[in-house]
N, C-alpha and C. Protein backbone atom coordinates (compact mmCIF):
# COMPACT_ATOMS: atom_id res chain seq x y z
N UNK A 1 25.01 3.66 13.70
CA UNK A 1 24.98 2.22 13.77
C UNK A 1 25.49 1.74 14.83
N UNK A 2 24.60 0.43 15.15
CA UNK A 2 25.89 -0.55 15.67
C UNK A 2 25.99 -1.83 14.66
N UNK A 3 27.41 -2.52 14.90
CA UNK A 3 27.64 -3.13 13.47
C UNK A 3 27.32 -4.04 13.54
N UNK A 4 26.32 -4.84 14.12
CA UNK A 4 25.76 -6.34 13.72
C UNK A 4 24.35 -5.61 13.31
N UNK A 5 23.77 -4.24 12.71
CA UNK A 5 22.94 -3.76 12.15
C UNK A 5 23.28 -3.62 10.46
N UNK A 6 25.00 -3.54 10.46
CA UNK A 6 25.67 -3.36 9.45
C UNK A 6 25.06 -4.43 8.05
N UNK A 7 24.44 -4.43 8.14
CA UNK A 7 23.80 -5.89 6.81
C UNK A 7 23.63 -5.64 5.07
N UNK A 8 23.77 -6.07 4.58
CA UNK A 8 23.53 -5.79 3.04
C UNK A 8 22.47 -4.92 2.63
N UNK A 9 22.70 -4.07 2.08
CA UNK A 9 21.42 -2.99 1.75
C UNK A 9 19.85 -3.46 1.50
N UNK A 10 20.01 -5.01 1.23
CA UNK A 10 19.09 -5.18 0.72
C UNK A 10 18.45 -5.80 2.24
N UNK A 11 19.49 -6.53 2.57
CA UNK A 11 18.85 -6.83 4.25
C UNK A 11 18.19 -5.94 4.77
N UNK A 12 18.61 -4.97 5.04
CA UNK A 12 18.40 -3.79 5.53
C UNK A 12 17.44 -3.01 5.46
N UNK A 13 17.03 -3.11 4.35
CA UNK A 13 15.50 -2.62 3.62
C UNK A 13 14.63 -3.60 4.05
N UNK A 14 14.92 -4.68 3.72
CA UNK A 14 13.69 -5.80 4.12
C UNK A 14 13.05 -5.67 5.48
N UNK A 15 14.42 -5.17 6.69
CA UNK A 15 14.02 -4.71 7.98
C UNK A 15 12.93 -3.75 8.35
N UNK A 16 12.73 -2.93 7.62
CA UNK A 16 12.26 -1.69 7.32
C UNK A 16 10.50 -1.42 6.55
N UNK A 17 10.48 -2.85 5.83
CA UNK A 17 9.38 -3.06 5.47
C UNK A 17 8.18 -2.86 6.37
N UNK A 18 8.07 -3.25 7.13
CA UNK A 18 6.71 -3.21 7.80
C UNK A 18 6.11 -1.92 8.09
N UNK A 19 7.64 -0.86 8.42
CA UNK A 19 6.76 0.68 8.68
C UNK A 19 6.29 0.85 7.34
N UNK A 20 6.54 0.29 6.26
CA UNK A 20 6.14 1.17 4.78
C UNK A 20 4.22 0.54 4.54
N UNK A 21 4.42 -0.66 5.08
CA UNK A 21 3.10 -1.05 4.80
C UNK A 21 2.25 -1.31 6.13
N UNK A 22 2.60 -0.40 7.27
CA UNK A 22 1.98 -0.03 8.49
C UNK A 22 0.65 1.00 7.82
N UNK A 23 -0.43 0.92 8.77
CA UNK A 23 -1.28 1.70 8.75
C UNK A 23 -1.19 3.14 9.73
N UNK A 24 -0.17 2.97 10.28
CA UNK A 24 -0.08 4.19 11.44
C UNK A 24 1.34 5.38 10.75
N UNK A 25 0.62 6.50 10.38
CA UNK A 25 1.51 7.59 9.83
C UNK A 25 2.68 7.83 10.64
N UNK A 26 2.89 7.58 11.90
CA UNK A 26 4.08 7.80 12.65
C UNK A 26 5.29 6.55 11.81
N UNK A 27 4.81 5.17 11.35
CA UNK A 27 5.76 4.27 11.38
C UNK A 27 5.72 4.94 9.63
N UNK A 28 5.39 5.71 9.22
CA UNK A 28 5.58 6.07 7.54
C UNK A 28 6.72 7.23 7.69
N UNK A 29 6.41 7.89 8.52
CA UNK A 29 7.63 9.05 9.32
C UNK A 29 9.13 8.47 9.55
N UNK A 30 8.83 7.62 10.45
CA UNK A 30 9.79 6.64 10.87
C UNK A 30 10.59 5.66 9.72
N UNK A 31 10.09 5.78 8.80
CA UNK A 31 10.69 4.68 7.53
C UNK A 31 11.62 5.60 6.93
N UNK A 32 10.82 6.57 6.30
CA UNK A 32 11.23 7.67 6.12
C UNK A 32 12.41 8.40 6.06
N UNK A 33 12.75 8.73 7.20
CA UNK A 33 13.71 8.89 8.25
C UNK A 33 14.91 8.26 8.16
N UNK A 34 15.14 6.82 9.00
CA UNK A 34 16.01 5.81 8.56
C UNK A 34 16.47 5.40 7.26
N UNK A 35 15.44 5.54 6.11
CA UNK A 35 15.69 4.97 4.98
C UNK A 35 16.47 6.38 4.22
N UNK A 36 16.26 7.22 4.94
CA UNK A 36 16.89 8.97 3.54
C UNK A 36 18.22 8.52 4.31
N UNK A 37 18.52 8.32 5.76
CA UNK A 37 19.57 8.24 6.57
C UNK A 37 20.51 6.97 5.91
N UNK A 38 19.77 6.06 5.30
CA UNK A 38 20.83 4.78 4.76
C UNK A 38 21.03 5.32 3.57
N UNK A 39 20.27 6.06 2.92
CA UNK A 39 20.11 6.65 1.60
C UNK A 39 21.64 7.22 1.57
N UNK A 40 21.67 7.99 2.47
CA UNK A 40 23.03 9.07 2.72
C UNK A 40 24.29 8.29 3.00
N UNK A 41 24.08 7.19 3.72
CA UNK A 41 25.58 6.51 4.11
C UNK A 41 25.86 5.86 2.91
N UNK A 42 25.19 5.51 1.76
CA UNK A 42 25.78 4.86 0.36
C UNK A 42 26.13 6.16 -0.08
N UNK A 43 25.69 6.79 -0.25
CA UNK A 43 25.96 8.30 -1.31
C UNK A 43 27.41 8.42 -0.81
N UNK A 44 27.91 8.80 0.71
CA UNK A 44 29.05 8.66 0.84
C UNK A 44 29.93 7.52 0.86
N UNK A 45 29.89 6.50 1.19
CA UNK A 45 30.48 4.94 0.37
C UNK A 45 30.67 5.33 -1.08
N UNK A 46 30.01 6.05 -2.05
CA UNK A 46 29.92 6.14 -3.64
C UNK A 46 29.25 4.89 -3.89
N UNK A 47 28.29 4.16 -3.08
CA UNK A 47 27.51 2.84 -3.11
C UNK A 47 26.55 3.70 -4.29
N UNK A 48 26.63 3.61 -5.34
CA UNK A 48 25.32 4.35 -6.34
C UNK A 48 24.42 3.27 -6.81
N UNK A 49 24.75 2.15 -6.84
CA UNK A 49 23.25 1.30 -6.76
C UNK A 49 22.81 0.90 -5.68
N UNK A 50 22.86 0.99 -4.18
CA UNK A 50 22.63 1.16 -3.48
C UNK A 50 21.76 2.04 -3.17
N UNK A 51 22.36 3.13 -3.21
CA UNK A 51 21.63 4.73 -3.20
C UNK A 51 20.51 4.61 -4.05
N UNK A 52 20.45 4.33 -5.25
CA UNK A 52 19.67 3.95 -5.92
C UNK A 52 18.28 3.45 -5.94
N UNK A 53 18.83 2.42 -5.31
CA UNK A 53 18.02 1.19 -5.38
C UNK A 53 17.23 1.86 -4.06
N UNK A 54 17.65 2.42 -2.97
CA UNK A 54 16.94 2.85 -1.60
C UNK A 54 16.09 4.49 -1.97
N UNK A 55 16.45 4.82 -3.13
CA UNK A 55 15.43 6.25 -3.68
C UNK A 55 14.60 5.37 -4.31
N UNK A 56 14.34 4.44 -5.04
CA UNK A 56 13.40 3.90 -5.46
C UNK A 56 12.50 3.39 -4.42
N UNK A 57 12.67 3.11 -3.62
CA UNK A 57 11.96 2.81 -2.09
C UNK A 57 11.09 3.90 -1.41
N UNK A 58 11.90 5.30 -1.79
CA UNK A 58 11.37 6.15 -1.10
C UNK A 58 9.90 6.42 -1.99
N UNK A 59 10.87 6.48 -3.33
CA UNK A 59 10.04 7.06 -4.00
C UNK A 59 8.18 6.24 -3.61
N UNK A 60 8.72 5.14 -3.76
CA UNK A 60 7.48 3.76 -3.93
C UNK A 60 6.55 4.46 -2.14
N UNK A 61 7.61 4.48 -1.39
CA UNK A 61 6.98 4.82 0.39
C UNK A 61 5.74 6.43 0.20
N UNK A 62 6.32 7.12 -0.84
CA UNK A 62 5.36 8.30 -1.04
C UNK A 62 3.69 7.83 -1.19
N UNK A 63 3.72 6.53 -2.46
CA UNK A 63 2.48 6.14 -2.80
C UNK A 63 1.59 5.93 -1.68
N UNK A 64 2.27 5.04 -0.19
CA UNK A 64 1.96 4.30 0.49
C UNK A 64 1.26 5.68 1.50
N UNK A 65 2.72 6.00 1.98
CA UNK A 65 2.26 7.67 2.85
C UNK A 65 1.22 8.00 2.06
N UNK A 66 0.94 8.39 1.23
CA UNK A 66 -0.36 9.48 0.42
C UNK A 66 -1.61 8.63 0.76
N UNK A 67 -1.73 7.69 0.91
CA UNK A 67 -2.74 6.70 1.09
C UNK A 67 -3.17 6.74 2.68
N UNK A 68 -1.96 6.57 3.29
CA UNK A 68 -2.59 6.68 4.68
C UNK A 68 -2.84 8.35 5.24
N UNK A 69 -2.62 9.39 4.61
CA UNK A 69 -2.84 10.48 4.84
C UNK A 69 -3.97 10.93 4.65
N UNK A 70 -4.36 10.42 2.92
CA UNK A 70 -5.88 10.69 2.83
C UNK A 70 -7.06 9.54 3.27
N UNK A 71 -7.06 8.35 3.85
CA UNK A 71 -7.64 7.82 4.31
C UNK A 71 -7.47 7.15 5.52
N UNK A 72 -6.04 7.20 6.25
CA UNK A 72 -6.02 7.13 7.26
C UNK A 72 -6.07 5.32 7.82
N UNK A 73 -5.79 4.19 6.22
CA UNK A 73 -5.76 2.92 5.75
C UNK A 73 -5.67 2.90 5.00
N UNK A 74 -5.09 1.63 4.13
CA UNK A 74 -4.85 1.45 2.67
C UNK A 74 -6.74 0.85 2.43
N UNK A 75 -7.08 1.04 1.69
CA UNK A 75 -8.69 0.91 1.37
C UNK A 75 -8.82 -0.84 0.60
N UNK A 76 -7.77 -0.86 -0.02
CA UNK A 76 -7.65 -2.12 -1.14
C UNK A 76 -7.27 -3.50 -0.11
N UNK A 77 -6.71 -3.07 1.09
CA UNK A 77 -7.25 -4.04 2.54
C UNK A 77 -8.23 -4.52 3.30
N UNK A 78 -9.33 -3.24 2.96
CA UNK A 78 -10.36 -3.26 3.46
C UNK A 78 -11.13 -5.09 3.60
N UNK A 79 -11.53 -5.28 2.27
CA UNK A 79 -12.47 -6.53 2.20
C UNK A 79 -11.55 -7.81 3.00
N UNK A 80 -10.16 -8.18 2.47
CA UNK A 80 -9.64 -9.02 3.78
C UNK A 80 -10.13 -8.95 5.05
N UNK A 81 -9.88 -7.65 5.77
CA UNK A 81 -9.99 -7.28 6.93
C UNK A 81 -11.59 -7.05 7.50
N UNK A 82 -12.37 -7.40 6.53
CA UNK A 82 -13.67 -7.44 6.93
C UNK A 82 -14.49 -5.95 7.33
N UNK A 83 -13.46 -4.95 6.82
CA UNK A 83 -14.07 -3.36 6.82
C UNK A 83 -14.98 -2.97 5.91
N UNK A 84 -15.71 -2.32 6.58
CA UNK A 84 -16.75 -1.42 5.31
C UNK A 84 -16.01 -0.08 4.68
N UNK A 85 -16.38 -0.07 3.24
CA UNK A 85 -15.59 1.01 2.44
C UNK A 85 -16.07 2.11 2.92
N UNK A 86 -16.09 3.43 2.71
CA UNK A 86 -16.67 4.51 2.60
C UNK A 86 -16.77 5.05 1.36
N UNK A 87 -17.24 5.71 0.95
CA UNK A 87 -17.73 6.43 -0.37
C UNK A 87 -16.77 6.71 -0.95
N UNK A 88 -15.84 7.36 -0.26
CA UNK A 88 -14.59 8.03 -1.31
C UNK A 88 -13.79 6.66 -1.13
N UNK A 89 -13.19 6.06 -0.93
CA UNK A 89 -12.67 4.66 -1.02
C UNK A 89 -13.02 4.08 -2.24
N UNK A 90 -14.42 3.46 -1.71
CA UNK A 90 -15.04 3.25 -3.25
C UNK A 90 -14.93 3.67 -4.23
N UNK A 91 -14.93 4.80 -4.73
CA UNK A 91 -14.48 5.62 -5.46
C UNK A 91 -13.22 5.62 -6.17
N UNK A 92 -11.82 5.34 -5.01
CA UNK A 92 -11.01 5.70 -5.60
C UNK A 92 -10.31 4.48 -6.23
N UNK A 93 -10.55 3.31 -5.55
CA UNK A 93 -10.43 2.03 -6.15
C UNK A 93 -11.36 1.75 -7.32
N UNK A 94 -12.10 2.45 -7.59
CA UNK A 94 -13.03 2.10 -8.74
C UNK A 94 -12.53 2.57 -10.10
N UNK A 95 -12.17 3.59 -9.52
CA UNK A 95 -11.15 4.92 -10.45
C UNK A 95 -9.56 4.58 -10.74
N UNK A 96 -9.24 3.05 -10.65
CA UNK A 96 -8.15 2.69 -10.85
C UNK A 96 -6.62 3.13 -9.82
N UNK A 97 -7.11 3.38 -8.35
CA UNK A 97 -6.83 3.98 -7.37
C UNK A 97 -5.73 2.56 -7.06
N UNK A 98 -4.60 3.07 -6.32
CA UNK A 98 -3.59 1.82 -6.00
C UNK A 98 -3.74 0.83 -5.33
N UNK A 99 -3.44 -0.34 -5.98
CA UNK A 99 -3.72 -1.81 -5.08
C UNK A 99 -2.46 -2.02 -4.66
N UNK A 100 -1.32 -1.47 -5.08
CA UNK A 100 -0.29 -2.27 -4.94
C UNK A 100 -0.14 -3.95 -5.56
N UNK A 101 -0.91 -4.09 -6.26
CA UNK A 101 -1.04 -5.48 -7.04
C UNK A 101 -1.21 -6.47 -6.36
N UNK A 102 -2.59 -6.47 -5.21
CA UNK A 102 -2.83 -7.12 -4.20
C UNK A 102 -3.59 -8.06 -4.45
N UNK A 103 -4.44 -6.93 -6.06
CA UNK A 103 -5.69 -7.87 -6.88
C UNK A 103 -7.07 -7.00 -6.42
N UNK A 104 -6.84 -6.70 -5.31
CA UNK A 104 -8.04 -6.24 -4.49
C UNK A 104 -9.29 -5.00 -5.69
């Protein structure tokens, strides 16, 4: 990794957040790859706190990726983006599906 990118773990994670929030599956795969590599880097350095924090982020990513795999988009964004809801999306959200604290 280029030395200019070796920032504090939180700053590095912030840089990759748009990939987790993308509606393109390729971005999620890229996020998992780069963040898993970062987690391994911190594991090798013995930085357990950063390693665990990144592990938590990877777990959260699984929830995001699952929605993209299932719906090819985030159903909780439909209203804000003026998109029509599918019946499956409506049922998912009505039955307590993940909103990621958006209030949707």
